[in-house]
Amino acid sequence: MKYPLRRALLACALSLIAVTGTAVVATRPASAAACWQTSCIGMDPAATGCDRDAYQRDGFVYTRGSSGPLAVRLFISPRCWAAWTKTEVYVGSVWGAVTMKAYTHPDDSTPRTTFYVYPEHAKYVSDGIAYSWTAMSSNTHYNQACYPSANYCTGRW
């Protein structure tokens, strides 16, 4: 016999199917993200798939007059090892820029990189809520989400 091990495994598999009526099929792992760490810098978390395993690391809700609340959230993707800021506002409200700042060291006063998002320029709308997000930064930096107009920020993570 040329391939005795393969034939034995095939015979076992066929026997299992005949006895149980089911087959065991190996599946491929979930598709990998399009970037990792520094290759994610400046990329869209939704377009790269980095948003699929993301969790909220920090955030705040800021309220101003009749505009309704502005939710600012700092997200991290373990699979991509990247971070970004996501905003939620009522459709039609105008807030101005929200930033995602990346610092090399936790006590730096000047960010290495800053990405901006304008909550009123929604990338996605659902039930009257407009969702927007910044480009990503590597999670090897200390990242912080800010609403500069109110001088309000999350912690640096």
Protein backbone atom coordinates (compact mmCIF):
# COMPACT_ATOMS: atom_id res chain seq x y z
CA MET A 1 0.00 0.00 0.00
CA LYS A 2 1.30 3.38 -0.95
CA TYR A 3 -0.45 5.54 1.73
CA PRO A 4 -1.55 3.22 4.59
CA LEU A 5 -2.00 6.01 7.15
CA ARG A 6 -4.21 8.08 4.85
CA ARG A 7 -6.35 5.02 4.04
CA ALA A 8 -6.69 4.17 7.74
CA LEU A 9 -7.74 7.73 8.59
CA LEU A 10 -10.21 7.77 5.71
CA ALA A 11 -11.67 4.45 6.86
CA CYS A 12 -12.07 5.80 10.41
CA ALA A 13 -13.74 8.95 9.14
CA LEU A 14 -16.15 7.00 6.94
CA SER A 15 -16.96 4.69 9.85
CA LEU A 16 -17.69 7.69 12.07
CA ILE A 17 -20.00 9.15 9.45
CA ALA A 18 -21.79 5.82 8.99
CA VAL A 19 -22.29 5.38 12.76
CA THR A 20 -23.20 8.94 13.75
CA GLY A 21 -24.54 10.35 10.51
CA THR A 22 -22.39 13.46 10.90
CA ALA A 23 -19.07 14.54 9.55
CA VAL A 24 -16.45 16.62 11.30
CA VAL A 25 -15.20 19.39 9.07
CA ALA A 26 -12.22 21.56 9.86
CA THR A 27 -12.91 25.24 9.36
CA ARG A 28 -10.50 28.03 8.59
CA PRO A 29 -9.80 30.57 11.31
CA ALA A 30 -11.47 33.96 11.12
CA SER A 31 -9.89 36.20 8.54
CA ALA A 32 -6.98 38.26 9.73
CA ALA A 33 -7.22 42.01 10.03
CA ALA A 34 -5.72 44.15 7.29
CA CYS A 35 -3.13 45.74 9.60
CA TRP A 36 -1.19 45.31 12.86
CA GLN A 37 0.22 47.98 15.20
CA THR A 38 2.09 50.68 13.27
CA SER A 39 0.73 49.53 9.90
CA CYS A 40 -2.73 50.56 11.19
CA ILE A 41 -1.76 54.21 11.73
CA GLY A 42 -4.05 56.45 9.68
CA MET A 43 -6.34 53.59 8.56
CA ASP A 44 -10.11 53.23 9.04
CA PRO A 45 -11.03 50.69 11.76
CA ALA A 46 -14.20 49.60 9.94
CA ALA A 47 -12.49 49.16 6.57
CA THR A 48 -9.68 47.07 8.07
CA GLY A 49 -11.89 44.89 10.25
CA CYS A 50 -10.19 46.12 13.41
CA ASP A 51 -13.57 47.18 14.82
CA ARG A 52 -14.76 43.55 15.04
CA ASP A 53 -13.01 42.73 18.33
CA ALA A 54 -12.73 46.27 19.70
CA TYR A 55 -13.69 47.24 23.20
CA GLN A 56 -14.22 50.62 24.82
CA ARG A 57 -11.22 51.47 27.00
CA ASP A 58 -12.42 54.86 28.20
CA GLY A 59 -14.96 57.54 27.34
CA PHE A 60 -17.13 60.40 28.47
CA VAL A 61 -20.41 62.13 27.65
CA TYR A 62 -20.41 65.91 27.34
CA THR A 63 -23.63 67.94 27.22
CA ARG A 64 -23.96 71.48 25.91
CA GLY A 65 -27.20 73.46 25.78
CA SER A 66 -29.86 72.14 23.44
CA SER A 67 -27.44 70.18 21.21
CA GLY A 68 -27.94 67.02 23.22
CA PRO A 69 -25.12 64.82 24.44
CA LEU A 70 -21.79 64.17 22.71
CA ALA A 71 -20.43 60.71 23.52
CA VAL A 72 -16.68 60.34 23.00
CA ARG A 73 -15.21 56.86 23.32
CA LEU A 74 -11.68 55.48 23.05
CA PHE A 75 -11.65 52.04 21.44
CA ILE A 76 -8.88 49.45 21.31
CA SER A 77 -8.62 46.41 19.05
CA PRO A 78 -6.54 43.56 20.53
CA ARG A 79 -6.37 41.80 17.16
CA CYS A 80 -4.91 44.89 15.41
CA TRP A 81 -3.28 46.38 18.51
CA ALA A 82 -4.64 49.75 17.44
CA ALA A 83 -6.81 52.50 18.95
CA TRP A 84 -9.26 55.15 17.70
CA THR A 85 -11.89 57.59 18.92
CA LYS A 86 -15.58 57.10 18.13
CA THR A 87 -18.30 59.72 18.59
CA GLU A 88 -22.08 59.57 18.90
CA VAL A 89 -24.37 62.61 18.55
CA TYR A 90 -27.92 63.38 17.57
CA VAL A 91 -28.29 63.85 13.82
CA GLY A 92 -28.22 67.54 12.96
CA SER A 93 -26.25 68.73 15.99
CA VAL A 94 -22.98 70.56 15.38
CA TRP A 95 -20.06 70.06 17.74
CA GLY A 96 -16.77 70.74 15.98
CA ALA A 97 -13.66 68.61 16.12
CA VAL A 98 -13.04 65.64 18.38
CA THR A 99 -9.49 64.29 18.45
CA MET A 100 -7.55 61.11 19.01
CA LYS A 101 -4.09 61.98 20.27
CA ALA A 102 -1.18 59.55 20.39
CA TYR A 103 1.71 60.23 22.76
CA THR A 104 5.07 58.46 22.83
CA HIS A 105 5.29 58.70 26.64
CA PRO A 106 2.47 59.08 29.17
CA ASP A 107 3.78 62.41 30.49
CA ASP A 108 4.44 64.07 27.09
CA SER A 109 2.78 67.46 26.60
CA THR A 110 2.78 67.32 22.78
CA PRO A 111 1.15 64.42 20.95
CA ARG A 112 3.13 62.49 18.38
CA THR A 113 0.06 62.25 16.15
CA THR A 114 -3.43 63.78 16.23
CA PHE A 115 -6.41 62.54 14.23
CA TYR A 116 -9.59 64.60 13.91
CA VAL A 117 -13.23 63.67 13.43
CA TYR A 118 -16.27 65.92 13.12
CA PRO A 119 -19.26 64.18 14.73
CA GLU A 120 -21.71 65.95 12.41
CA HIS A 121 -20.04 64.25 9.39
CA ALA A 122 -21.54 60.87 10.15
CA LYS A 123 -20.06 57.70 8.73
CA TYR A 124 -23.07 55.72 9.95
CA VAL A 125 -26.57 56.77 11.13
CA SER A 126 -29.04 54.66 13.09
CA ASP A 127 -32.20 55.73 14.98
CA GLY A 128 -31.32 59.41 14.83
CA ILE A 129 -27.78 58.91 16.16
CA ALA A 130 -24.79 59.85 14.00
CA TYR A 131 -21.63 57.77 14.48
CA SER A 132 -18.18 58.94 13.42
CA TRP A 133 -14.65 57.82 14.16
CA THR A 134 -11.06 58.86 13.68
CA ALA A 135 -8.34 57.04 11.83
CA MET A 136 -6.37 54.62 13.98
CA SER A 137 -3.18 54.94 15.95
CA SER A 138 -0.96 52.09 17.07
CA ASN A 139 -1.72 50.89 20.59
CA THR A 140 2.03 50.98 21.24
CA HIS A 141 1.47 54.70 21.91
CA TYR A 142 -0.41 56.30 24.80
CA ASN A 143 -3.75 57.21 23.22
CA GLN A 144 -6.30 59.74 24.39
CA ALA A 145 -9.71 60.88 23.11
CA CYS A 146 -10.46 64.60 23.51
CA TYR A 147 -13.10 67.22 22.90
CA PRO A 148 -10.80 70.27 22.61
CA SER A 149 -13.55 72.92 22.65
CA ALA A 150 -14.33 71.99 26.25
CA ASN A 151 -10.75 70.97 27.12
CA TYR A 152 -12.09 67.56 28.13
CA CYS A 153 -10.21 64.27 27.57
CA THR A 154 -10.14 60.62 28.54
CA GLY A 155 -7.14 59.18 30.33
CA ARG A 156 -4.10 58.12 28.31
CA TRP A 157 -4.07 54.40 27.66
